[in-house]
Amino acid sequence: MTTTEERKRELWSQKLQSLVSEKAEFAALPKPLVLSKIALLEKKNPKLWRECLKLYEKESSEKQFLKKQAIKEAVKFVRAELRVVYSSFLSPKHAKKEKLLASCKTEDKVLELLTLHKSSKERFAVYEELYERIFLWSGKTNNIVDIACGFNPLSFSLLRTIFGKKLKVFACDMNKDDMEFLQAAATKFSWNLKTKAVDVMSEECLTLPEVNDPDSLVFLFKALDSFEHVQRHWSKHLVSRLPAKKLVVSFALNSLGAHKKFETKNRGSWFVKYCEKNGWSCEPFVLGSELYVLVKKNYV
């Protein structure tokens, strides 16, 4: 491929990225994440990719360009891929999160904001029982790392009650606005919580100092299925790279919206087998609509 052709591909990718991000639900997603889904389009549908590239190279008005069916299909494809890892988890009230936070006068009220994210909403009724069970298994820890956290950090007050006042939480996910929102909640209620917007399926995430704390307890709630949809075996790469010796991983037992129920005996079985192959101990249990796996990396 010539330098000129590479430049054309780069410019078209940037154009498609801007088109995808015009919709509010994708506007705050990191550019590298969107570009990775664009690369997936080229891989999965090279015919559509080439057609779009040819249309982009032709001189035409912006209005005519955007009316082309191929362009519409490309934008639709990328947005659909992004929804798998982000926006499909949001409730209709998500856009009002800042206003709702401003109205919260107590930490108990903040807990109600967990319902703004579908994952934490499904977990809402069992949070206290969940954290108590994790504490009984893990013992006291002062550091928790929550990867692909969603709005889970809004349960900080429950975590602090169970794990102790010295608890520190580091939470990361891909949406900058959401991470700033969580940080605002932490500031308002003096939580020892630090957030960072980062592509959680990147080497950048894996090299963060907080993620590389061997004494931390790592949460990966409902994350691995999304990872595997994007890149097969990334979950194995992630958990093997994490220096933490204790991880809590979960898998949904219902599809989003509870339209489909998964068989409990088959959920996460590939992950449990992978852990056992590495000599790590696993304790699966079901609570609410999730299968949790408590993982201890046993090193000789």
Protein backbone atom coordinates (compact mmCIF):
# COMPACT_ATOMS: atom_id res chain seq x y z
CA MET A 1 0.00 0.00 0.00
CA THR A 2 1.40 3.38 -1.01
CA THR A 3 1.74 6.35 1.33
CA THR A 4 -1.06 8.11 -0.57
CA GLU A 5 -3.43 5.15 -0.12
CA GLU A 6 -2.58 4.92 3.57
CA ARG A 7 -3.32 8.61 3.97
CA LYS A 8 -6.71 8.20 2.26
CA ARG A 9 -7.60 5.31 4.59
CA GLU A 10 -6.56 7.38 7.59
CA LEU A 11 -8.66 10.36 6.51
CA TRP A 12 -11.71 8.19 5.83
CA SER A 13 -11.33 6.53 9.24
CA GLN A 14 -11.21 9.94 10.89
CA LYS A 15 -14.27 11.05 8.94
CA LEU A 16 -16.22 7.94 9.97
CA GLN A 17 -15.13 8.44 13.57
CA SER A 18 -16.54 11.97 13.53
CA LEU A 19 -19.82 10.77 11.99
CA VAL A 20 -20.21 8.05 14.61
CA SER A 21 -19.46 10.48 17.44
CA GLU A 22 -22.07 13.01 16.31
CA LYS A 23 -24.64 11.10 18.33
CA ALA A 24 -24.59 12.14 21.99
CA GLU A 25 -24.27 8.62 23.42
CA PHE A 26 -20.94 8.16 21.63
CA ALA A 27 -19.54 11.70 21.89
CA ALA A 28 -17.49 11.12 25.05
CA LEU A 29 -16.03 7.74 24.07
CA PRO A 30 -12.26 7.76 23.56
CA LYS A 31 -11.21 8.15 19.93
CA PRO A 32 -8.95 5.03 19.95
CA LEU A 33 -11.94 2.91 20.97
CA VAL A 34 -14.08 4.22 18.10
CA LEU A 35 -11.20 3.75 15.65
CA SER A 36 -10.78 0.15 16.83
CA LYS A 37 -14.42 -0.54 15.86
CA ILE A 38 -13.80 1.13 12.49
CA ALA A 39 -10.87 -1.24 11.96
CA LEU A 40 -13.26 -4.07 12.80
CA LEU A 41 -15.57 -2.88 10.02
CA GLU A 42 -12.72 -3.13 7.52
CA LYS A 43 -11.96 -6.64 8.75
CA LYS A 44 -15.53 -7.98 8.90
CA ASN A 45 -16.97 -6.25 5.83
CA PRO A 46 -14.12 -5.30 3.47
CA LYS A 47 -16.55 -4.87 0.57
CA LEU A 48 -18.51 -2.18 2.42
CA TRP A 49 -15.27 -0.59 3.57
CA ARG A 50 -13.93 -0.30 0.01
CA GLU A 51 -17.23 1.09 -1.25
CA CYS A 52 -17.22 3.77 1.44
CA LEU A 53 -13.60 4.64 0.72
CA LYS A 54 -14.40 5.15 -2.96
CA LEU A 55 -17.35 7.37 -2.08
CA TYR A 56 -15.16 9.39 0.26
CA GLU A 57 -12.53 9.88 -2.46
CA LYS A 58 -15.09 11.24 -4.93
CA GLU A 59 -15.79 14.93 -4.94
CA SER A 60 -19.37 15.44 -3.77
CA SER A 61 -21.25 17.65 -1.37
CA GLU A 62 -21.43 16.66 2.29
CA LYS A 63 -25.20 16.35 2.00
CA GLN A 64 -25.00 13.92 -0.93
CA PHE A 65 -22.21 11.96 0.74
CA LEU A 66 -24.20 11.39 3.92
CA LYS A 67 -27.23 10.17 1.96
CA LYS A 68 -25.29 7.24 0.47
CA GLN A 69 -26.57 3.91 1.78
CA ALA A 70 -23.05 2.51 2.22
CA ILE A 71 -22.08 5.42 4.48
CA LYS A 72 -25.21 4.95 6.57
CA GLU A 73 -24.46 1.22 6.91
CA ALA A 74 -20.87 1.90 7.98
CA VAL A 75 -21.97 4.34 10.69
CA LYS A 76 -24.66 1.90 11.84
CA PHE A 77 -22.15 -0.97 12.08
CA VAL A 78 -19.66 0.97 14.20
CA ARG A 79 -22.35 2.31 16.52
CA ALA A 80 -23.77 -1.19 16.99
CA GLU A 81 -20.33 -2.47 18.02
CA LEU A 82 -19.91 0.38 20.48
CA ARG A 83 -23.31 -0.30 22.02
CA VAL A 84 -22.17 -3.81 22.90
CA VAL A 85 -19.44 -2.41 25.14
CA TYR A 86 -21.07 0.78 26.38
CA SER A 87 -24.35 2.52 25.60
CA SER A 88 -26.61 -0.54 25.72
CA PHE A 89 -25.97 -0.61 29.49
CA LEU A 90 -27.40 2.88 30.09
CA SER A 91 -30.88 3.72 31.36
CA PRO A 92 -33.00 6.50 29.80
CA LYS A 93 -32.25 8.75 32.81
CA HIS A 94 -28.49 8.54 32.31
CA ALA A 95 -28.41 11.89 30.50
CA LYS A 96 -29.77 13.59 33.65
CA LYS A 97 -27.07 12.17 35.93
CA GLU A 98 -25.46 15.50 36.89
CA LYS A 99 -28.82 17.04 37.82
CA LEU A 100 -29.75 13.96 39.84
CA LEU A 101 -26.40 14.00 41.68
CA ALA A 102 -26.89 17.68 42.55
CA SER A 103 -30.20 16.79 44.22
CA CYS A 104 -28.57 14.11 46.42
CA LYS A 105 -28.04 15.39 49.96
CA THR A 106 -26.95 12.08 51.53
CA GLU A 107 -24.94 9.02 50.53
CA ASP A 108 -28.11 6.92 50.79
CA LYS A 109 -29.62 9.01 48.00
CA VAL A 110 -26.50 8.52 45.89
CA LEU A 111 -27.06 4.78 46.03
CA GLU A 112 -30.28 5.31 44.09
CA LEU A 113 -28.17 6.58 41.16
CA LEU A 114 -26.87 3.04 40.70
CA THR A 115 -30.09 2.46 38.76
CA LEU A 116 -28.84 4.77 35.97
CA HIS A 117 -26.68 1.91 34.68
CA LYS A 118 -28.41 -1.35 33.81
CA SER A 119 -25.71 -3.57 35.32
CA SER A 120 -25.69 -1.89 38.71
CA LYS A 121 -29.49 -1.57 38.60
CA GLU A 122 -29.80 -5.36 38.35
CA ARG A 123 -27.36 -5.65 41.29
CA PHE A 124 -29.05 -2.95 43.37
CA ALA A 125 -31.01 -5.16 45.77
CA VAL A 126 -28.06 -7.44 46.62
CA TYR A 127 -25.10 -5.04 46.89
CA GLU A 128 -24.75 -5.29 50.66
CA GLU A 129 -24.97 -9.09 50.66
CA LEU A 130 -22.52 -9.25 47.76
CA TYR A 131 -19.89 -7.10 49.45
CA GLU A 132 -20.24 -8.97 52.74
CA ARG A 133 -19.70 -12.27 50.93
CA ILE A 134 -16.66 -10.91 49.09
CA PHE A 135 -15.23 -9.57 52.37
CA LEU A 136 -15.63 -12.94 54.12
CA TRP A 137 -13.70 -14.53 51.24
CA SER A 138 -10.99 -11.94 50.64
CA GLY A 139 -10.38 -10.63 54.13
CA LYS A 140 -9.54 -7.00 54.83
CA THR A 141 -8.11 -4.98 51.96
CA ASN A 142 -7.45 -1.28 51.63
CA ASN A 143 -7.32 -1.16 47.83
CA ILE A 144 -9.98 -2.10 45.29
CA VAL A 145 -9.54 -1.75 41.52
CA ASP A 146 -12.78 -1.70 39.53
CA ILE A 147 -12.13 -2.28 35.80
CA ALA A 148 -14.95 -1.52 33.33
CA CYS A 149 -16.67 -0.12 36.39
CA GLY A 150 -19.83 1.40 34.94
CA PHE A 151 -21.57 3.17 37.85
CA ASN A 152 -20.52 0.55 40.40
CA PRO A 153 -18.32 3.06 42.33
CA LEU A 154 -21.50 4.86 43.42
CA SER A 155 -21.79 2.01 45.95
CA PHE A 156 -18.65 3.35 47.69
CA SER A 157 -20.44 3.99 50.99
CA LEU A 158 -21.43 0.30 51.21
CA LEU A 159 -17.90 -0.80 50.38
CA ARG A 160 -16.43 1.52 53.02
CA THR A 161 -18.85 0.24 55.67
CA ILE A 162 -17.80 -3.36 55.04
CA PHE A 163 -14.11 -3.01 54.14
CA GLY A 164 -13.25 -0.15 56.50
CA LYS A 165 -12.63 3.58 56.53
CA LYS A 166 -9.11 3.26 55.05
CA LEU A 167 -10.50 1.84 51.80
CA LYS A 168 -9.29 3.35 48.53
CA VAL A 169 -10.97 2.59 45.21
CA PHE A 170 -9.58 3.09 41.72
CA ALA A 171 -12.20 2.81 38.99
CA CYS A 172 -11.78 2.98 35.24
CA ASP A 173 -13.98 2.78 32.19
CA MET A 174 -14.05 4.20 28.70
CA ASN A 175 -16.42 7.16 28.94
CA LYS A 176 -14.82 10.42 30.07
CA ASP A 177 -18.10 12.08 31.07
CA ASP A 178 -19.06 9.12 33.27
CA MET A 179 -15.67 9.09 35.00
CA GLU A 180 -15.90 12.83 35.65
CA PHE A 181 -19.40 12.29 37.03
CA LEU A 182 -18.16 9.60 39.43
CA GLN A 183 -15.28 11.83 40.48
CA ALA A 184 -17.74 14.64 41.18
CA ALA A 185 -19.74 12.29 43.43
CA ALA A 186 -16.51 11.32 45.22
CA THR A 187 -15.62 14.97 45.80
CA LYS A 188 -19.10 15.84 47.05
CA PHE A 189 -19.12 13.07 49.66
CA SER A 190 -15.36 12.90 50.42
CA TRP A 191 -14.86 9.38 49.10
CA ASN A 192 -11.34 8.05 48.65
CA LEU A 193 -12.15 7.25 45.03
CA LYS A 194 -10.06 7.99 41.95
CA THR A 195 -11.41 7.50 38.43
CA LYS A 196 -9.83 7.43 35.01
CA ALA A 197 -11.25 7.32 31.50
CA VAL A 198 -9.31 4.77 29.50
CA ASP A 199 -9.93 2.09 26.91
CA VAL A 200 -10.14 -0.89 29.25
CA MET A 201 -9.06 -3.18 26.41
CA SER A 202 -5.73 -1.46 25.88
CA GLU A 203 -2.14 -1.75 26.97
CA GLU A 204 -2.53 1.72 28.47
CA CYS A 205 -5.02 0.31 30.95
CA LEU A 206 -2.78 -2.63 31.78
CA THR A 207 0.17 -0.35 32.52
CA LEU A 208 -1.66 2.00 34.93
CA PRO A 209 0.10 2.03 38.34
CA GLU A 210 -3.17 1.47 40.19
CA VAL A 211 -4.03 -1.56 38.04
CA ASN A 212 -0.59 -3.00 38.78
CA ASP A 213 -0.96 -3.02 42.56
CA PRO A 214 -0.41 -6.66 43.60
CA ASP A 215 -2.17 -6.10 46.93
CA SER A 216 -5.41 -4.84 45.39
CA LEU A 217 -8.71 -6.66 45.06
CA VAL A 218 -9.92 -6.45 41.44
CA PHE A 219 -13.56 -6.26 40.36
CA LEU A 220 -14.53 -7.28 36.82
CA PHE A 221 -18.31 -7.20 36.91
CA LYS A 222 -20.09 -8.25 33.69
CA ALA A 223 -17.02 -7.24 31.70
CA LEU A 224 -15.60 -10.40 30.17
CA ASP A 225 -18.49 -11.15 27.80
CA SER A 226 -18.12 -7.69 26.25
CA PHE A 227 -14.36 -8.15 25.97
CA GLU A 228 -14.77 -11.50 24.22
CA HIS A 229 -17.29 -10.03 21.77
CA VAL A 230 -14.70 -7.46 20.72
CA GLN A 231 -11.57 -9.61 20.82
CA ARG A 232 -11.52 -13.27 21.60
CA HIS A 233 -9.20 -14.31 24.45
CA TRP A 234 -8.62 -10.72 25.61
CA SER A 235 -10.12 -11.69 28.99
CA LYS A 236 -7.47 -14.38 29.47
CA HIS A 237 -4.77 -11.91 28.48
CA LEU A 238 -6.12 -9.39 30.96
CA VAL A 239 -6.46 -11.62 34.02
CA SER A 240 -3.09 -13.24 33.39
CA ARG A 241 -1.40 -9.82 33.21
CA LEU A 242 -3.02 -8.47 36.37
CA PRO A 243 -0.61 -8.82 39.31
CA ALA A 244 -3.47 -8.83 41.83
CA LYS A 245 -3.89 -12.19 43.55
CA LYS A 246 -7.62 -11.81 44.19
CA LEU A 247 -10.26 -11.08 41.57
CA VAL A 248 -14.06 -11.02 41.56
CA VAL A 249 -15.50 -11.70 38.12
CA SER A 250 -19.17 -11.84 37.23
CA PHE A 251 -21.33 -12.98 34.34
CA ALA A 252 -24.92 -11.94 33.63
CA LEU A 253 -27.54 -14.67 33.89
CA ASN A 254 -30.01 -12.60 31.87
CA SER A 255 -29.46 -10.75 28.63
CA LEU A 256 -29.96 -6.98 28.69
CA GLY A 257 -33.61 -6.30 29.35
CA ALA A 258 -34.02 -9.88 30.66
CA HIS A 259 -35.29 -11.05 27.26
CA LYS A 260 -33.18 -14.19 27.50
CA LYS A 261 -31.99 -16.28 30.42
CA PHE A 262 -28.68 -18.15 30.27
CA GLU A 263 -28.14 -21.61 31.75
CA THR A 264 -26.28 -21.14 35.03
CA LYS A 265 -24.23 -24.31 34.62
CA ASN A 266 -22.72 -23.08 31.36
CA ARG A 267 -22.09 -19.44 32.29
CA GLY A 268 -18.43 -18.64 32.77
CA SER A 269 -17.39 -22.28 32.50
CA TRP A 270 -14.63 -21.40 30.02
CA PHE A 271 -13.26 -18.86 32.50
CA VAL A 272 -13.33 -21.27 35.42
CA LYS A 273 -11.51 -23.89 33.32
CA TYR A 274 -8.88 -21.31 32.35
CA CYS A 275 -8.31 -20.39 36.01
CA GLU A 276 -8.07 -24.02 37.09
CA LYS A 277 -5.62 -24.69 34.26
CA ASN A 278 -3.40 -22.00 35.76
CA GLY A 279 -3.66 -23.49 39.23
CA TRP A 280 -5.90 -20.71 40.57
CA SER A 281 -8.72 -21.51 42.97
CA CYS A 282 -12.26 -20.55 41.99
CA GLU A 283 -15.43 -20.20 44.05
CA PRO A 284 -18.49 -19.63 41.84
CA PHE A 285 -21.81 -18.58 43.37
CA VAL A 286 -25.07 -17.10 42.15
CA LEU A 287 -26.56 -13.97 43.65
CA GLY A 288 -29.41 -12.05 42.08
CA SER A 289 -29.10 -12.22 38.31
CA GLU A 290 -25.33 -12.77 38.21
CA LEU A 291 -22.88 -15.61 38.49
CA TYR A 292 -19.84 -14.49 40.49
CA VAL A 293 -16.47 -16.20 40.46
CA LEU A 294 -14.05 -15.52 43.32
CA VAL A 295 -10.55 -16.12 42.00
CA LYS A 296 -7.36 -16.53 44.01
CA LYS A 297 -4.14 -16.78 42.08
CA ASN A 298 -2.17 -19.41 43.96
CA TYR A 299 1.53 -18.97 43.31
CA VAL A 300 4.16 -21.38 44.61
